[in-house]
Amino acid sequence: MQRSSNTNILDRPLGRGGGRGGDGNVSLSAFAYLYSELVQYHQGRVASISELERRLESAGYGVGLKVLELLAYRSREAKRETRLM
């Protein structure tokens, strides 16, 4: 499957998958499984709840930062703002 070379990766939908389903959404069960595995992975490597919270926060920080960056990029207007004085 080849993607169009004219399409910028930042302009593609977030949920674009491997072509199955066609709607580009991630199923709730797949998301729940991934989240469960992430929690179990970090839970097995900590000694206290506060350390678990810190590790989960640091794992999610990078993902959240990238999503916010992408949303800010998409929400900007294509034209430069001009003000009349």
N, C-alpha and C. Protein backbone atom coordinates (compact mmCIF):
# COMPACT_ATOMS: atom_id res chain seq x y z
N MET A 1 0.85 -1.18 0.00
CA MET A 1 0.00 0.00 0.00
C MET A 1 0.88 1.23 0.00
N GLN A 2 0.75 2.08 -1.01
CA GLN A 2 1.54 3.29 -1.09
C GLN A 2 0.69 4.48 -0.72
N ARG A 3 1.32 5.41 0.00
CA ARG A 3 0.64 6.63 0.37
C ARG A 3 1.01 7.71 -0.63
N SER A 4 0.13 8.66 -0.77
CA SER A 4 0.39 9.76 -1.68
C SER A 4 1.58 10.57 -1.17
N SER A 5 2.50 10.88 -2.05
CA SER A 5 3.67 11.64 -1.65
C SER A 5 3.34 13.11 -1.40
N ASN A 6 2.16 13.56 -1.84
CA ASN A 6 1.76 14.94 -1.66
C ASN A 6 1.16 15.19 -0.27
N THR A 7 0.78 14.15 0.44
CA THR A 7 0.13 14.30 1.73
C THR A 7 1.19 14.45 2.82
N ASN A 8 1.11 15.56 3.55
CA ASN A 8 2.00 15.82 4.67
C ASN A 8 1.57 14.96 5.85
N ILE A 9 2.50 14.40 6.59
CA ILE A 9 2.17 13.52 7.70
C ILE A 9 1.42 14.27 8.80
N LEU A 10 1.65 15.57 8.93
CA LEU A 10 0.97 16.35 9.94
C LEU A 10 -0.49 16.63 9.58
N ASP A 11 -0.83 16.49 8.30
CA ASP A 11 -2.20 16.73 7.86
C ASP A 11 -3.05 15.47 7.85
N ARG A 12 -2.45 14.32 8.11
CA ARG A 12 -3.21 13.07 8.13
C ARG A 12 -3.99 12.94 9.43
N PRO A 13 -5.11 12.23 9.42
CA PRO A 13 -5.88 12.01 10.65
C PRO A 13 -5.07 11.24 11.68
N LEU A 14 -5.31 11.50 12.97
CA LEU A 14 -4.59 10.83 14.05
C LEU A 14 -4.85 9.34 14.06
N GLY A 15 -6.07 8.93 13.79
CA GLY A 15 -6.43 7.52 13.91
C GLY A 15 -6.22 6.70 12.66
N ARG A 16 -5.46 7.19 11.72
CA ARG A 16 -5.28 6.48 10.46
C ARG A 16 -4.57 5.16 10.71
N GLY A 17 -5.25 4.09 10.38
CA GLY A 17 -4.71 2.76 10.66
C GLY A 17 -4.19 2.08 9.42
N GLY A 18 -4.09 0.78 9.50
CA GLY A 18 -3.54 0.00 8.42
C GLY A 18 -4.52 -0.32 7.32
N GLY A 19 -5.60 0.42 7.20
CA GLY A 19 -6.53 0.21 6.13
C GLY A 19 -7.69 -0.70 6.51
N ARG A 20 -7.64 -1.30 7.69
CA ARG A 20 -8.74 -2.17 8.10
C ARG A 20 -9.82 -1.33 8.77
N GLY A 21 -11.04 -1.60 8.51
CA GLY A 21 -12.13 -0.87 9.12
C GLY A 21 -12.55 0.35 8.32
N GLY A 22 -11.61 1.10 7.82
CA GLY A 22 -11.92 2.22 6.96
C GLY A 22 -12.25 3.51 7.66
N ASP A 23 -12.61 3.48 8.95
CA ASP A 23 -13.00 4.72 9.61
C ASP A 23 -11.84 5.40 10.33
N GLY A 24 -10.72 4.73 10.50
CA GLY A 24 -9.55 5.35 11.09
C GLY A 24 -9.57 5.45 12.60
N ASN A 25 -10.54 4.82 13.25
CA ASN A 25 -10.63 4.88 14.70
C ASN A 25 -10.01 3.64 15.34
N VAL A 26 -9.44 3.84 16.53
CA VAL A 26 -8.90 2.73 17.29
C VAL A 26 -10.02 2.18 18.15
N SER A 27 -10.16 0.87 18.18
CA SER A 27 -11.24 0.28 18.96
C SER A 27 -10.99 0.49 20.45
N LEU A 28 -12.05 0.57 21.20
CA LEU A 28 -11.97 0.77 22.64
C LEU A 28 -11.27 -0.40 23.32
N SER A 29 -11.51 -1.61 22.85
CA SER A 29 -10.86 -2.77 23.46
C SER A 29 -9.36 -2.76 23.22
N ALA A 30 -8.91 -2.31 22.05
CA ALA A 30 -7.47 -2.22 21.79
C ALA A 30 -6.83 -1.16 22.67
N PHE A 31 -7.50 -0.04 22.84
CA PHE A 31 -6.98 1.02 23.71
C PHE A 31 -6.93 0.54 25.16
N ALA A 32 -7.98 -0.15 25.62
CA ALA A 32 -8.02 -0.65 26.99
C ALA A 32 -6.92 -1.68 27.23
N TYR A 33 -6.67 -2.53 26.25
CA TYR A 33 -5.60 -3.53 26.37
C TYR A 33 -4.24 -2.86 26.46
N LEU A 34 -3.99 -1.89 25.61
CA LEU A 34 -2.72 -1.18 25.63
C LEU A 34 -2.51 -0.45 26.96
N TYR A 35 -3.54 0.20 27.46
CA TYR A 35 -3.46 0.90 28.74
C TYR A 35 -3.20 -0.08 29.88
N SER A 36 -3.89 -1.21 29.86
CA SER A 36 -3.71 -2.23 30.88
C SER A 36 -2.28 -2.77 30.89
N GLU A 37 -1.74 -3.02 29.72
CA GLU A 37 -0.36 -3.51 29.62
C GLU A 37 0.64 -2.46 30.10
N LEU A 38 0.39 -1.22 29.81
CA LEU A 38 1.27 -0.15 30.26
C LEU A 38 1.29 -0.08 31.79
N VAL A 39 0.12 -0.14 32.40
CA VAL A 39 0.02 -0.09 33.86
C VAL A 39 0.69 -1.32 34.48
N GLN A 40 0.44 -2.50 33.94
CA GLN A 40 1.04 -3.72 34.47
C GLN A 40 2.56 -3.70 34.32
N TYR A 41 3.06 -3.18 33.23
CA TYR A 41 4.50 -3.09 33.01
C TYR A 41 5.16 -2.24 34.09
N HIS A 42 4.60 -1.07 34.33
CA HIS A 42 5.19 -0.18 35.34
C HIS A 42 4.91 -0.67 36.76
N GLN A 43 3.78 -1.31 36.98
CA GLN A 43 3.42 -1.80 38.31
C GLN A 43 4.41 -2.87 38.79
N GLY A 44 4.92 -3.67 37.88
CA GLY A 44 5.86 -4.72 38.25
C GLY A 44 7.26 -4.21 38.54
N ARG A 45 7.51 -2.94 38.28
CA ARG A 45 8.85 -2.39 38.45
C ARG A 45 8.95 -1.32 39.53
N VAL A 46 7.92 -1.17 40.35
CA VAL A 46 7.93 -0.13 41.38
C VAL A 46 7.68 -0.75 42.75
N ALA A 47 8.02 0.03 43.78
CA ALA A 47 7.83 -0.43 45.16
C ALA A 47 6.70 0.30 45.86
N SER A 48 6.29 1.46 45.32
CA SER A 48 5.23 2.22 45.98
C SER A 48 4.27 2.81 44.95
N ILE A 49 3.11 3.21 45.44
CA ILE A 49 2.09 3.80 44.58
C ILE A 49 2.57 5.14 44.02
N SER A 50 3.25 5.92 44.84
CA SER A 50 3.72 7.23 44.37
C SER A 50 4.73 7.08 43.22
N GLU A 51 5.57 6.06 43.30
CA GLU A 51 6.51 5.82 42.21
C GLU A 51 5.78 5.35 40.95
N LEU A 52 4.73 4.54 41.12
CA LEU A 52 3.92 4.11 39.98
C LEU A 52 3.27 5.32 39.31
N GLU A 53 2.71 6.21 40.12
CA GLU A 53 2.09 7.41 39.57
C GLU A 53 3.11 8.26 38.81
N ARG A 54 4.30 8.39 39.36
CA ARG A 54 5.34 9.18 38.71
C ARG A 54 5.74 8.56 37.37
N ARG A 55 5.89 7.23 37.34
CA ARG A 55 6.27 6.56 36.09
C ARG A 55 5.18 6.66 35.04
N LEU A 56 3.92 6.49 35.45
CA LEU A 56 2.82 6.61 34.49
C LEU A 56 2.70 8.03 33.96
N GLU A 57 2.94 9.00 34.84
CA GLU A 57 2.89 10.40 34.40
C GLU A 57 4.00 10.68 33.39
N SER A 58 5.19 10.19 33.65
CA SER A 58 6.28 10.45 32.73
C SER A 58 6.08 9.71 31.40
N ALA A 59 5.44 8.53 31.44
CA ALA A 59 5.16 7.80 30.21
C ALA A 59 4.13 8.54 29.36
N GLY A 60 3.15 9.14 29.99
CA GLY A 60 2.10 9.84 29.26
C GLY A 60 2.45 11.26 28.86
N TYR A 61 3.45 11.83 29.52
CA TYR A 61 3.81 13.22 29.24
C TYR A 61 4.27 13.41 27.80
N GLY A 62 5.15 12.55 27.34
CA GLY A 62 5.66 12.68 25.97
C GLY A 62 4.58 12.52 24.92
N VAL A 63 3.68 11.59 25.15
CA VAL A 63 2.57 11.38 24.20
C VAL A 63 1.66 12.60 24.19
N GLY A 64 1.32 13.09 25.38
CA GLY A 64 0.46 14.27 25.46
C GLY A 64 1.08 15.49 24.83
N LEU A 65 2.38 15.65 25.02
CA LEU A 65 3.09 16.78 24.44
C LEU A 65 3.03 16.74 22.91
N LYS A 66 3.23 15.57 22.34
CA LYS A 66 3.18 15.44 20.88
C LYS A 66 1.77 15.68 20.33
N VAL A 67 0.75 15.20 21.05
CA VAL A 67 -0.63 15.42 20.60
C VAL A 67 -0.98 16.90 20.65
N LEU A 68 -0.59 17.58 21.75
CA LEU A 68 -0.85 19.02 21.84
C LEU A 68 -0.12 19.80 20.76
N GLU A 69 1.11 19.40 20.49
CA GLU A 69 1.88 20.05 19.44
C GLU A 69 1.20 19.89 18.08
N LEU A 70 0.71 18.71 17.81
CA LEU A 70 0.02 18.46 16.54
C LEU A 70 -1.29 19.24 16.45
N LEU A 71 -2.05 19.27 17.54
CA LEU A 71 -3.31 20.01 17.53
C LEU A 71 -3.07 21.51 17.37
N ALA A 72 -2.03 22.03 17.99
CA ALA A 72 -1.71 23.45 17.83
C ALA A 72 -1.29 23.75 16.39
N TYR A 73 -0.53 22.85 15.79
CA TYR A 73 -0.13 23.03 14.40
C TYR A 73 -1.35 23.04 13.48
N ARG A 74 -2.26 22.15 13.73
CA ARG A 74 -3.44 22.05 12.86
C ARG A 74 -4.41 23.21 13.06
N SER A 75 -4.45 23.78 14.25
CA SER A 75 -5.43 24.83 14.52
C SER A 75 -4.98 26.20 14.04
N ARG A 76 -3.68 26.34 13.75
CA ARG A 76 -3.22 27.65 13.28
C ARG A 76 -3.82 27.94 11.90
N GLU A 77 -3.99 29.18 11.65
CA GLU A 77 -4.55 29.55 10.36
C GLU A 77 -3.47 29.51 9.30
N ALA A 78 -3.89 29.23 8.09
CA ALA A 78 -2.94 29.11 6.99
C ALA A 78 -2.37 30.48 6.60
N LYS A 79 -3.16 31.51 6.81
CA LYS A 79 -2.69 32.84 6.43
C LYS A 79 -2.12 33.56 7.64
N ARG A 80 -1.21 34.44 7.37
CA ARG A 80 -0.63 35.26 8.40
C ARG A 80 -1.61 36.36 8.77
N GLU A 81 -1.72 36.64 10.05
CA GLU A 81 -2.66 37.65 10.51
C GLU A 81 -2.15 39.04 10.17
N THR A 82 -3.02 39.85 9.63
CA THR A 82 -2.65 41.23 9.33
C THR A 82 -3.59 42.15 10.10
N ARG A 83 -3.00 43.16 10.71
CA ARG A 83 -3.81 44.14 11.46
C ARG A 83 -3.69 45.50 10.80
N LEU A 84 -4.80 46.16 10.68
CA LEU A 84 -4.81 47.51 10.14
C LEU A 84 -4.60 48.49 11.28
N MET A 85 -3.73 49.45 11.04
CA MET A 85 -3.46 50.46 12.08
C MET A 85 -4.00 51.78 11.67
